[in-house]
Amino acid sequence: MRNVVSKGILGKARVDDSDGPTEVLARAGYGARGVVYFLIGGLSFLSVFWGESDAADSGEALSTLLRQPFGQILLGLVAVGMIGHVVWRLAQSVLNADDQKNNMKGVLTRIGQFASAIANGSIAASAASLALGRGGGGGGDSEQSISSWLMHQPFGPWLVGIAGAIVAVVGLVQIYRGVAGTFQRWIYLPSTKGLLYAICVFGLSARGALFIVVGGFFIYAGFTVTPDNAGGLRDALVWVRALPFGTWLYGIAALGLVAFGGYSIIEAIYRKVDAPDRDDLERMAKRAT
């Protein structure tokens, strides 16, 4: 893997492999994810002032982008970026691009990255479909569909509950990464303090908290053997809004998703991206045989 030290936009030295196609796709993918979360969080936050009870999801975010000038072109760019993110997630999970250790933590991290590839692939497909004028918008009932599919497998309710537990654990890990600042293992910020650091902490923590709620939905769906009880980020935001002081908490959570969009843009600029090159792949193939 090639490691070239260069200067980030704000001057901090960082590892930059952006000459390779996988690296370019990875950074474009983080940027595209940032756009999607900016829209989800921004639209949800604006609903506080509109007085609506429904939060936004990825489908509504993509539809909003389509309605803008040159919307189909913008959606096409988002689709390409999300495909890049899928490629990078597969490199992380299957090829271990981040060089995770072969222990429980490393294995779980790679499983989560593979699941992220699948989820982001769905967003990429929705964006491409809208860009090509074929309708669709994704989001909506995808969690119920996953829950329903799992429920019809052997030991289905247990599988749904386990999936919920995994999502909740992922949420806890994200909160820890934000609060403890361990995300800096991969992101070389200009300093350990300041606005960029605060955006990363807030974004990771808010998304992690909502993931815990989503995990709770899946656990409840497994307990009640009712797939419709599963839910995603949109449902988590609606649930938060129904709590005491819910409007304030909802607004904070929505801004947190905006911050996570900012975190994704920061990743696009400052993250260490060291994807396997052809020599690495050849070595892996030789070890496998």
C-alpha atoms as a PDB file:
ATOM      1  CA  MET A   1       0.000   0.000   0.000  1.00  0.00           C
ATOM      2  CA  ARG A   2       1.307   3.395  -0.921  1.00  0.00           C
ATOM      3  CA  ASN A   3       1.605   5.952   1.864  1.00  0.00           C
ATOM      4  CA  VAL A   4       2.333   9.472   0.657  1.00  0.00           C
ATOM      5  CA  VAL A   5       2.463  12.238   3.261  1.00  0.00           C
ATOM      6  CA  SER A   6       0.869  15.446   2.043  1.00  0.00           C
ATOM      7  CA  LYS A   7      -0.850  18.537   3.439  1.00  0.00           C
ATOM      8  CA  GLY A   8      -4.568  18.617   4.117  1.00  0.00           C
ATOM      9  CA  ILE A   9      -6.709  21.612   3.154  1.00  0.00           C
ATOM     10  CA  LEU A  10      -6.031  23.226   6.533  1.00  0.00           C
ATOM     11  CA  GLY A  11      -2.327  22.381   6.471  1.00  0.00           C
ATOM     12  CA  LYS A  12      -2.048  19.303   8.688  1.00  0.00           C
ATOM     13  CA  ALA A  13       0.237  16.584   7.378  1.00  0.00           C
ATOM     14  CA  ARG A  14      -1.693  13.423   6.659  1.00  0.00           C
ATOM     15  CA  VAL A  15      -1.454  10.178   4.748  1.00  0.00           C
ATOM     16  CA  ASP A  16      -2.830  10.708   1.257  1.00  0.00           C
ATOM     17  CA  ASP A  17      -3.186   7.931  -1.290  1.00  0.00           C
ATOM     18  CA  SER A  18      -5.577   9.904  -3.465  1.00  0.00           C
ATOM     19  CA  ASP A  19      -3.710   9.041  -6.678  1.00  0.00           C
ATOM     20  CA  GLY A  20      -5.308   5.590  -6.733  1.00  0.00           C
ATOM     21  CA  PRO A  21      -8.839   5.054  -8.091  1.00  0.00           C
ATOM     22  CA  THR A  22     -10.050   3.307  -4.920  1.00  0.00           C
ATOM     23  CA  GLU A  23      -8.824   6.212  -2.812  1.00  0.00           C
ATOM     24  CA  VAL A  24     -10.615   8.726  -5.032  1.00  0.00           C
ATOM     25  CA  LEU A  25     -13.814   6.678  -4.829  1.00  0.00           C
ATOM     26  CA  ALA A  26     -13.475   6.395  -1.051  1.00  0.00           C
ATOM     27  CA  ARG A  27     -13.177  10.163  -0.557  1.00  0.00           C
ATOM     28  CA  ALA A  28     -16.013  10.812  -3.017  1.00  0.00           C
ATOM     29  CA  GLY A  29     -18.074   8.281  -1.055  1.00  0.00           C
ATOM     30  CA  TYR A  30     -17.534  10.032   2.254  1.00  0.00           C
ATOM     31  CA  GLY A  31     -18.495  13.306   0.582  1.00  0.00           C
ATOM     32  CA  ALA A  32     -21.682  11.812  -0.895  1.00  0.00           C
ATOM     33  CA  ARG A  33     -22.645  10.353   2.469  1.00  0.00           C
ATOM     34  CA  GLY A  34     -22.103  13.799   3.938  1.00  0.00           C
ATOM     35  CA  VAL A  35     -24.556  15.326   1.451  1.00  0.00           C
ATOM     36  CA  VAL A  36     -27.201  12.725   2.288  1.00  0.00           C
ATOM     37  CA  TYR A  37     -26.870  13.315   6.047  1.00  0.00           C
ATOM     38  CA  PHE A  38     -26.833  17.096   5.605  1.00  0.00           C
ATOM     39  CA  LEU A  39     -30.192  16.791   3.866  1.00  0.00           C
ATOM     40  CA  ILE A  40     -31.682  14.283   6.330  1.00  0.00           C
ATOM     41  CA  GLY A  41     -30.635  16.340   9.341  1.00  0.00           C
ATOM     42  CA  GLY A  42     -31.423  19.698   7.741  1.00  0.00           C
ATOM     43  CA  LEU A  43     -34.894  18.722   6.571  1.00  0.00           C
ATOM     44  CA  SER A  44     -35.661  17.141   9.934  1.00  0.00           C
ATOM     45  CA  PHE A  45     -34.487  20.264  11.783  1.00  0.00           C
ATOM     46  CA  LEU A  46     -36.592  22.527   9.561  1.00  0.00           C
ATOM     47  CA  SER A  47     -39.659  20.427  10.393  1.00  0.00           C
ATOM     48  CA  VAL A  48     -39.397  21.817  13.941  1.00  0.00           C
ATOM     49  CA  PHE A  49     -40.428  25.202  12.533  1.00  0.00           C
ATOM     50  CA  TRP A  50     -42.898  23.740  10.050  1.00  0.00           C
ATOM     51  CA  GLY A  51     -44.670  22.016  12.929  1.00  0.00           C
ATOM     52  CA  GLU A  52     -44.695  18.668  11.159  1.00  0.00           C
ATOM     53  CA  SER A  53     -44.307  15.407  13.070  1.00  0.00           C
ATOM     54  CA  ASP A  54     -42.455  13.478  10.382  1.00  0.00           C
ATOM     55  CA  ALA A  55     -38.683  13.529  10.144  1.00  0.00           C
ATOM     56  CA  ALA A  56     -36.791  13.049   6.905  1.00  0.00           C
ATOM     57  CA  ASP A  57     -35.160   9.874   5.676  1.00  0.00           C
ATOM     58  CA  SER A  58     -32.715   9.101   2.868  1.00  0.00           C
ATOM     59  CA  GLY A  59     -35.551   8.769   0.347  1.00  0.00           C
ATOM     60  CA  GLU A  60     -36.887  12.239   1.118  1.00  0.00           C
ATOM     61  CA  ALA A  61     -33.365  13.655   1.099  1.00  0.00           C
ATOM     62  CA  LEU A  62     -32.741  12.277  -2.393  1.00  0.00           C
ATOM     63  CA  SER A  63     -36.144  13.496  -3.627  1.00  0.00           C
ATOM     64  CA  THR A  64     -35.354  16.977  -2.300  1.00  0.00           C
ATOM     65  CA  LEU A  65     -32.053  16.952  -4.160  1.00  0.00           C
ATOM     66  CA  LEU A  66     -33.877  15.920  -7.354  1.00  0.00           C
ATOM     67  CA  ARG A  67     -36.101  19.000  -7.138  1.00  0.00           C
ATOM     68  CA  GLN A  68     -33.114  21.353  -7.189  1.00  0.00           C
ATOM     69  CA  PRO A  69     -31.686  22.909 -10.387  1.00  0.00           C
ATOM     70  CA  PHE A  70     -29.709  20.225 -12.232  1.00  0.00           C
ATOM     71  CA  GLY A  71     -31.151  17.776  -9.706  1.00  0.00           C
ATOM     72  CA  GLN A  72     -30.661  14.702 -11.870  1.00  0.00           C
ATOM     73  CA  ILE A  73     -27.000  15.552 -12.399  1.00  0.00           C
ATOM     74  CA  LEU A  74     -26.519  16.122  -8.665  1.00  0.00           C
ATOM     75  CA  LEU A  75     -28.231  12.817  -7.895  1.00  0.00           C
ATOM     76  CA  GLY A  76     -26.026  11.082 -10.427  1.00  0.00           C
ATOM     77  CA  LEU A  77     -22.951  12.443  -8.658  1.00  0.00           C
ATOM     78  CA  VAL A  78     -24.335  11.302  -5.308  1.00  0.00           C
ATOM     79  CA  ALA A  79     -24.993   7.844  -6.763  1.00  0.00           C
ATOM     80  CA  VAL A  80     -21.422   7.602  -8.061  1.00  0.00           C
ATOM     81  CA  GLY A  81     -20.100   8.807  -4.722  1.00  0.00           C
ATOM     82  CA  MET A  82     -22.179   6.281  -2.783  1.00  0.00           C
ATOM     83  CA  ILE A  83     -20.969   3.517  -5.089  1.00  0.00           C
ATOM     84  CA  GLY A  84     -17.462   4.667  -4.225  1.00  0.00           C
ATOM     85  CA  HIS A  85     -18.352   4.408  -0.555  1.00  0.00           C
ATOM     86  CA  VAL A  86     -19.596   0.848  -1.103  1.00  0.00           C
ATOM     87  CA  VAL A  87     -16.319  -0.052  -2.836  1.00  0.00           C
ATOM     88  CA  TRP A  88     -14.343   1.397   0.064  1.00  0.00           C
ATOM     89  CA  ARG A  89     -16.469  -0.373   2.680  1.00  0.00           C
ATOM     90  CA  LEU A  90     -15.892  -3.653   0.844  1.00  0.00           C
ATOM     91  CA  ALA A  91     -12.157  -2.919   0.788  1.00  0.00           C
ATOM     92  CA  GLN A  92     -12.298  -2.301   4.532  1.00  0.00           C
ATOM     93  CA  SER A  93     -14.381  -5.375   5.356  1.00  0.00           C
ATOM     94  CA  VAL A  94     -13.274  -7.998   2.839  1.00  0.00           C
ATOM     95  CA  LEU A  95      -9.694  -6.868   2.150  1.00  0.00           C
ATOM     96  CA  ASN A  96      -9.052  -5.367   5.612  1.00  0.00           C
ATOM     97  CA  ALA A  97      -7.809  -2.067   4.178  1.00  0.00           C
ATOM     98  CA  ASP A  98      -7.668  -0.554   7.675  1.00  0.00           C
ATOM     99  CA  ASP A  99      -5.475  -3.431   8.881  1.00  0.00           C
ATOM    100  CA  GLN A 100      -7.829  -4.454  11.680  1.00  0.00           C
ATOM    101  CA  LYS A 101      -6.513  -7.015  14.131  1.00  0.00           C
ATOM    102  CA  ASN A 102      -7.789 -10.591  13.974  1.00  0.00           C
ATOM    103  CA  ASN A 103      -9.579 -10.368  17.298  1.00  0.00           C
ATOM    104  CA  MET A 104     -13.227  -9.985  18.280  1.00  0.00           C
ATOM    105  CA  LYS A 105     -13.136  -6.204  17.992  1.00  0.00           C
ATOM    106  CA  GLY A 106     -11.551  -6.322  14.544  1.00  0.00           C
ATOM    107  CA  VAL A 107     -13.962  -8.978  13.272  1.00  0.00           C
ATOM    108  CA  LEU A 108     -17.008  -7.064  14.542  1.00  0.00           C
ATOM    109  CA  THR A 109     -15.682  -3.854  12.989  1.00  0.00           C
ATOM    110  CA  ARG A 110     -15.344  -5.531   9.610  1.00  0.00           C
ATOM    111  CA  ILE A 111     -18.806  -7.073   9.877  1.00  0.00           C
ATOM    112  CA  GLY A 112     -20.190  -3.601  10.554  1.00  0.00           C
ATOM    113  CA  GLN A 113     -18.319  -2.222   7.553  1.00  0.00           C
ATOM    114  CA  PHE A 114     -19.774  -4.951   5.348  1.00  0.00           C
ATOM    115  CA  ALA A 115     -23.278  -4.159   6.615  1.00  0.00           C
ATOM    116  CA  SER A 116     -22.585  -0.494   5.858  1.00  0.00           C
ATOM    117  CA  ALA A 117     -21.671  -1.468   2.282  1.00  0.00           C
ATOM    118  CA  ILE A 118     -25.060  -3.130   1.867  1.00  0.00           C
ATOM    119  CA  ALA A 119     -26.974  -0.195   3.372  1.00  0.00           C
ATOM    120  CA  ASN A 120     -25.113   2.385   1.304  1.00  0.00           C
ATOM    121  CA  GLY A 121     -25.607   0.246  -1.784  1.00  0.00           C
ATOM    122  CA  SER A 122     -29.355   0.667  -1.291  1.00  0.00           C
ATOM    123  CA  ILE A 123     -28.972   4.461  -1.132  1.00  0.00           C
ATOM    124  CA  ALA A 124     -26.757   4.407  -4.245  1.00  0.00           C
ATOM    125  CA  ALA A 125     -29.366   2.364  -6.132  1.00  0.00           C
ATOM    126  CA  SER A 126     -32.145   4.761  -5.094  1.00  0.00           C
ATOM    127  CA  ALA A 127     -30.113   7.802  -6.142  1.00  0.00           C
ATOM    128  CA  ALA A 128     -29.259   6.224  -9.508  1.00  0.00           C
ATOM    129  CA  SER A 129     -32.886   5.261 -10.093  1.00  0.00           C
ATOM    130  CA  LEU A 130     -34.091   8.812  -9.429  1.00  0.00           C
ATOM    131  CA  ALA A 131     -31.308  10.306 -11.536  1.00  0.00           C
ATOM    132  CA  LEU A 132     -32.346   8.115 -14.462  1.00  0.00           C
ATOM    133  CA  GLY A 133     -35.992   9.114 -14.023  1.00  0.00           C
ATOM    134  CA  ARG A 134     -37.151   5.678 -12.950  1.00  0.00           C
ATOM    135  CA  GLY A 135     -38.766   6.730  -9.687  1.00  0.00           C
ATOM    136  CA  GLY A 136     -38.039   5.180  -6.337  1.00  0.00           C
ATOM    137  CA  GLY A 137     -36.506   6.893  -3.374  1.00  0.00           C
ATOM    138  CA  GLY A 138     -35.521   4.216  -0.955  1.00  0.00           C
ATOM    139  CA  GLY A 139     -35.582   4.684   2.760  1.00  0.00           C
ATOM    140  CA  GLY A 140     -39.141   4.342   3.928  1.00  0.00           C
ATOM    141  CA  ASP A 141     -39.819   0.739   4.809  1.00  0.00           C
ATOM    142  CA  SER A 142     -36.365  -0.808   4.317  1.00  0.00           C
ATOM    143  CA  GLU A 143     -35.985  -1.596   8.013  1.00  0.00           C
ATOM    144  CA  GLN A 144     -39.373  -3.341   8.091  1.00  0.00           C
ATOM    145  CA  SER A 145     -38.392  -5.286   4.975  1.00  0.00           C
ATOM    146  CA  ILE A 146     -35.155  -6.456   6.587  1.00  0.00           C
ATOM    147  CA  SER A 147     -36.979  -7.326   9.789  1.00  0.00           C
ATOM    148  CA  SER A 148     -39.650  -9.215   7.852  1.00  0.00           C
ATOM    149  CA  TRP A 149     -37.052 -11.204   5.899  1.00  0.00           C
ATOM    150  CA  LEU A 150     -35.182 -12.132   9.065  1.00  0.00           C
ATOM    151  CA  MET A 151     -38.426 -13.040  10.808  1.00  0.00           C
ATOM    152  CA  HIS A 152     -39.187 -15.650   8.157  1.00  0.00           C
ATOM    153  CA  GLN A 153     -35.836 -17.392   8.621  1.00  0.00           C
ATOM    154  CA  PRO A 154     -35.277 -20.225  11.122  1.00  0.00           C
ATOM    155  CA  PHE A 155     -35.190 -18.720  14.634  1.00  0.00           C
ATOM    156  CA  GLY A 156     -36.411 -15.494  12.982  1.00  0.00           C
ATOM    157  CA  PRO A 157     -37.406 -13.529  16.116  1.00  0.00           C
ATOM    158  CA  TRP A 158     -34.011 -14.305  17.639  1.00  0.00           C
ATOM    159  CA  LEU A 159     -32.257 -13.107  14.478  1.00  0.00           C
ATOM    160  CA  VAL A 160     -34.203  -9.844  14.548  1.00  0.00           C
ATOM    161  CA  GLY A 161     -33.336  -9.368  18.216  1.00  0.00           C
ATOM    162  CA  ILE A 162     -29.666 -10.122  17.584  1.00  0.00           C
ATOM    163  CA  ALA A 163     -29.648  -7.654  14.668  1.00  0.00           C
ATOM    164  CA  GLY A 164     -31.102  -5.037  16.995  1.00  0.00           C
ATOM    165  CA  ALA A 165     -28.476  -5.758  19.637  1.00  0.00           C
ATOM    166  CA  ILE A 166     -25.719  -5.379  17.036  1.00  0.00           C
ATOM    167  CA  VAL A 167     -27.121  -2.037  15.852  1.00  0.00           C
ATOM    168  CA  ALA A 168     -27.346  -0.838  19.475  1.00  0.00           C
ATOM    169  CA  VAL A 169     -23.744  -1.893  20.131  1.00  0.00           C
ATOM    170  CA  VAL A 170     -22.657  -0.055  16.981  1.00  0.00           C
ATOM    171  CA  GLY A 171     -24.396   3.011  18.388  1.00  0.00           C
ATOM    172  CA  LEU A 172     -22.556   2.683  21.695  1.00  0.00           C
ATOM    173  CA  VAL A 173     -19.252   2.287  19.854  1.00  0.00           C
ATOM    174  CA  GLN A 174     -19.931   5.420  17.818  1.00  0.00           C
ATOM    175  CA  ILE A 175     -20.655   7.410  20.961  1.00  0.00           C
ATOM    176  CA  TYR A 176     -17.420   6.112  22.496  1.00  0.00           C
ATOM    177  CA  ARG A 177     -15.450   6.972  19.351  1.00  0.00           C
ATOM    178  CA  GLY A 178     -16.797  10.493  19.500  1.00  0.00           C
ATOM    179  CA  VAL A 179     -16.466  11.169  23.231  1.00  0.00           C
ATOM    180  CA  ALA A 180     -13.082   9.448  23.597  1.00  0.00           C
ATOM    181  CA  GLY A 181     -11.772  10.922  20.351  1.00  0.00           C
ATOM    182  CA  THR A 182     -10.602   7.546  19.033  1.00  0.00           C
ATOM    183  CA  PHE A 183     -11.768   8.538  15.538  1.00  0.00           C
ATOM    184  CA  GLN A 184      -8.465  10.413  15.334  1.00  0.00           C
ATOM    185  CA  ARG A 185      -6.726   7.095  14.741  1.00  0.00           C
ATOM    186  CA  TRP A 186      -7.886   7.415  11.142  1.00  0.00           C
ATOM    187  CA  ILE A 187      -8.598  11.145  10.760  1.00  0.00           C
ATOM    188  CA  TYR A 188      -5.687  13.563  10.988  1.00  0.00           C
ATOM    189  CA  LEU A 189      -7.288  16.843  12.057  1.00  0.00           C
ATOM    190  CA  PRO A 190      -5.347  20.122  12.066  1.00  0.00           C
ATOM    191  CA  SER A 191      -5.608  20.120  15.896  1.00  0.00           C
ATOM    192  CA  THR A 192      -7.180  18.088  18.687  1.00  0.00           C
ATOM    193  CA  LYS A 193      -9.429  20.999  19.600  1.00  0.00           C
ATOM    194  CA  GLY A 194     -11.594  23.436  17.719  1.00  0.00           C
ATOM    195  CA  LEU A 195     -14.597  23.401  15.438  1.00  0.00           C
ATOM    196  CA  LEU A 196     -13.698  20.349  13.335  1.00  0.00           C
ATOM    197  CA  TYR A 197     -13.116  18.227  16.427  1.00  0.00           C
ATOM    198  CA  ALA A 198     -16.404  19.387  17.967  1.00  0.00           C
ATOM    199  CA  ILE A 199     -18.308  18.538  14.774  1.00  0.00           C
ATOM    200  CA  CYS A 200     -16.848  15.016  14.802  1.00  0.00           C
ATOM    201  CA  VAL A 201     -17.711  14.444  18.455  1.00  0.00           C
ATOM    202  CA  PHE A 202     -21.250  15.814  18.161  1.00  0.00           C
ATOM    203  CA  GLY A 203     -22.004  14.022  14.885  1.00  0.00           C
ATOM    204  CA  LEU A 204     -20.756  10.620  16.016  1.00  0.00           C
ATOM    205  CA  SER A 205     -22.474  10.894  19.397  1.00  0.00           C
ATOM    206  CA  ALA A 206     -25.845  11.958  17.978  1.00  0.00           C
ATOM    207  CA  ARG A 207     -25.877   9.275  15.293  1.00  0.00           C
ATOM    208  CA  GLY A 208     -24.773   6.700  17.842  1.00  0.00           C
ATOM    209  CA  ALA A 209     -27.615   7.632  20.192  1.00  0.00           C
ATOM    210  CA  LEU A 210     -30.150   7.285  17.367  1.00  0.00           C
ATOM    211  CA  PHE A 211     -28.648   3.921  16.418  1.00  0.00           C
ATOM    212  CA  ILE A 212     -29.301   2.726  19.974  1.00  0.00           C
ATOM    213  CA  VAL A 213     -32.972   3.674  19.529  1.00  0.00           C
ATOM    214  CA  VAL A 214     -33.070   1.883  16.163  1.00  0.00           C
ATOM    215  CA  GLY A 215     -31.540  -1.189  17.785  1.00  0.00           C
ATOM    216  CA  GLY A 216     -34.238  -1.027  20.441  1.00  0.00           C
ATOM    217  CA  PHE A 217     -36.903  -1.021  17.723  1.00  0.00           C
ATOM    218  CA  PHE A 218     -35.469  -4.222  16.236  1.00  0.00           C
ATOM    219  CA  ILE A 219     -35.216  -5.899  19.634  1.00  0.00           C
ATOM    220  CA  TYR A 220     -38.853  -4.993  20.330  1.00  0.00           C
ATOM    221  CA  ALA A 221     -39.870  -6.277  16.879  1.00  0.00           C
ATOM    222  CA  GLY A 222     -38.184  -9.590  17.651  1.00  0.00           C
ATOM    223  CA  PHE A 223     -39.809  -9.781  21.090  1.00  0.00           C
ATOM    224  CA  THR A 224     -43.297  -9.100  19.699  1.00  0.00           C
ATOM    225  CA  VAL A 225     -42.689 -11.124  16.499  1.00  0.00           C
ATOM    226  CA  THR A 226     -43.966  -8.108  14.552  1.00  0.00           C
ATOM    227  CA  PRO A 227     -41.653  -6.848  11.757  1.00  0.00           C
ATOM    228  CA  ASP A 228     -43.528  -3.542  11.503  1.00  0.00           C
ATOM    229  CA  ASN A 229     -42.191  -2.567  14.929  1.00  0.00           C
ATOM    230  CA  ALA A 230     -38.696  -2.241  13.465  1.00  0.00           C
ATOM    231  CA  GLY A 231     -37.626   1.236  12.408  1.00  0.00           C
ATOM    232  CA  GLY A 232     -34.803   3.378  11.086  1.00  0.00           C
ATOM    233  CA  LEU A 233     -33.352   6.823  11.755  1.00  0.00           C
ATOM    234  CA  ARG A 234     -36.581   8.549  10.731  1.00  0.00           C
ATOM    235  CA  ASP A 235     -38.585   6.474  13.228  1.00  0.00           C
ATOM    236  CA  ALA A 236     -35.963   7.136  15.905  1.00  0.00           C
ATOM    237  CA  LEU A 237     -36.309  10.878  15.381  1.00  0.00           C
ATOM    238  CA  VAL A 238     -40.103  10.664  15.588  1.00  0.00           C
ATOM    239  CA  TRP A 239     -39.784   8.648  18.815  1.00  0.00           C
ATOM    240  CA  VAL A 240     -37.443  11.268  20.290  1.00  0.00           C
ATOM    241  CA  ARG A 241     -39.901  14.015  19.401  1.00  0.00           C
ATOM    242  CA  ALA A 242     -42.622  12.267  21.423  1.00  0.00           C
ATOM    243  CA  LEU A 243     -40.524  12.369  24.620  1.00  0.00           C
ATOM    244  CA  PRO A 244     -40.846  15.047  27.321  1.00  0.00           C
ATOM    245  CA  PHE A 245     -39.054  18.146  25.994  1.00  0.00           C
ATOM    246  CA  GLY A 246     -39.134  16.179  22.745  1.00  0.00           C
ATOM    247  CA  THR A 247     -39.070  19.178  20.434  1.00  0.00           C
ATOM    248  CA  TRP A 248     -35.768  20.321  21.913  1.00  0.00           C
ATOM    249  CA  LEU A 249     -34.300  16.829  21.896  1.00  0.00           C
ATOM    250  CA  TYR A 250     -35.530  16.291  18.355  1.00  0.00           C
ATOM    251  CA  GLY A 251     -33.911  19.521  17.197  1.00  0.00           C
ATOM    252  CA  ILE A 252     -30.617  18.566  18.861  1.00  0.00           C
ATOM    253  CA  ALA A 253     -30.738  15.095  17.273  1.00  0.00           C
ATOM    254  CA  ALA A 254     -31.477  16.579  13.845  1.00  0.00           C
ATOM    255  CA  LEU A 255     -28.562  18.997  14.186  1.00  0.00           C
ATOM    256  CA  GLY A 256     -26.475  16.003  15.240  1.00  0.00           C
ATOM    257  CA  LEU A 257     -27.236  14.340  11.897  1.00  0.00           C
ATOM    258  CA  VAL A 258     -26.194  17.553  10.156  1.00  0.00           C
ATOM    259  CA  ALA A 259     -22.983  17.371  12.184  1.00  0.00           C
ATOM    260  CA  PHE A 260     -22.506  13.763  11.091  1.00  0.00           C
ATOM    261  CA  GLY A 261     -22.768  15.022   7.529  1.00  0.00           C
ATOM    262  CA  GLY A 262     -19.997  17.436   8.421  1.00  0.00           C
ATOM    263  CA  TYR A 263     -18.012  14.572   9.949  1.00  0.00           C
ATOM    264  CA  SER A 264     -18.344  12.681   6.646  1.00  0.00           C
ATOM    265  CA  ILE A 265     -17.006  15.686   4.720  1.00  0.00           C
ATOM    266  CA  ILE A 266     -14.116  15.889   7.187  1.00  0.00           C
ATOM    267  CA  GLU A 267     -13.430  12.203   6.537  1.00  0.00           C
ATOM    268  CA  ALA A 268     -13.415  12.898   2.804  1.00  0.00           C
ATOM    269  CA  ILE A 269     -10.639  15.435   3.338  1.00  0.00           C
ATOM    270  CA  TYR A 270      -8.584  14.158   6.258  1.00  0.00           C
ATOM    271  CA  ARG A 271      -9.124  10.415   6.600  1.00  0.00           C
ATOM    272  CA  LYS A 272      -6.269   7.993   6.077  1.00  0.00           C
ATOM    273  CA  VAL A 273      -7.234   5.992   2.993  1.00  0.00           C
ATOM    274  CA  ASP A 274      -4.756   3.225   2.288  1.00  0.00           C
ATOM    275  CA  ALA A 275      -6.604   0.842  -0.009  1.00  0.00           C
ATOM    276  CA  PRO A 276      -4.888  -2.325  -1.220  1.00  0.00           C
ATOM    277  CA  ASP A 277      -3.104  -1.866  -4.548  1.00  0.00           C
ATOM    278  CA  ARG A 278      -2.439  -4.570  -7.138  1.00  0.00           C
ATOM    279  CA  ASP A 279       0.679  -5.869  -5.368  1.00  0.00           C
ATOM    280  CA  ASP A 280      -1.262  -6.230  -2.108  1.00  0.00           C
ATOM    281  CA  LEU A 281      -4.038  -8.132  -3.873  1.00  0.00           C
ATOM    282  CA  GLU A 282      -1.519 -10.475  -5.500  1.00  0.00           C
ATOM    283  CA  ARG A 283       0.065 -11.188  -2.111  1.00  0.00           C
ATOM    284  CA  MET A 284      -3.370 -11.883  -0.610  1.00  0.00           C
ATOM    285  CA  ALA A 285      -4.166 -14.287  -3.466  1.00  0.00           C
ATOM    286  CA  LYS A 286      -0.894 -16.150  -2.951  1.00  0.00           C
ATOM    287  CA  ARG A 287      -1.564 -16.520   0.778  1.00  0.00           C
ATOM    288  CA  ALA A 288      -5.082 -17.775   0.047  1.00  0.00           C
ATOM    289  CA  THR A 289      -3.729 -20.500  -2.272  1.00  0.00           C
END
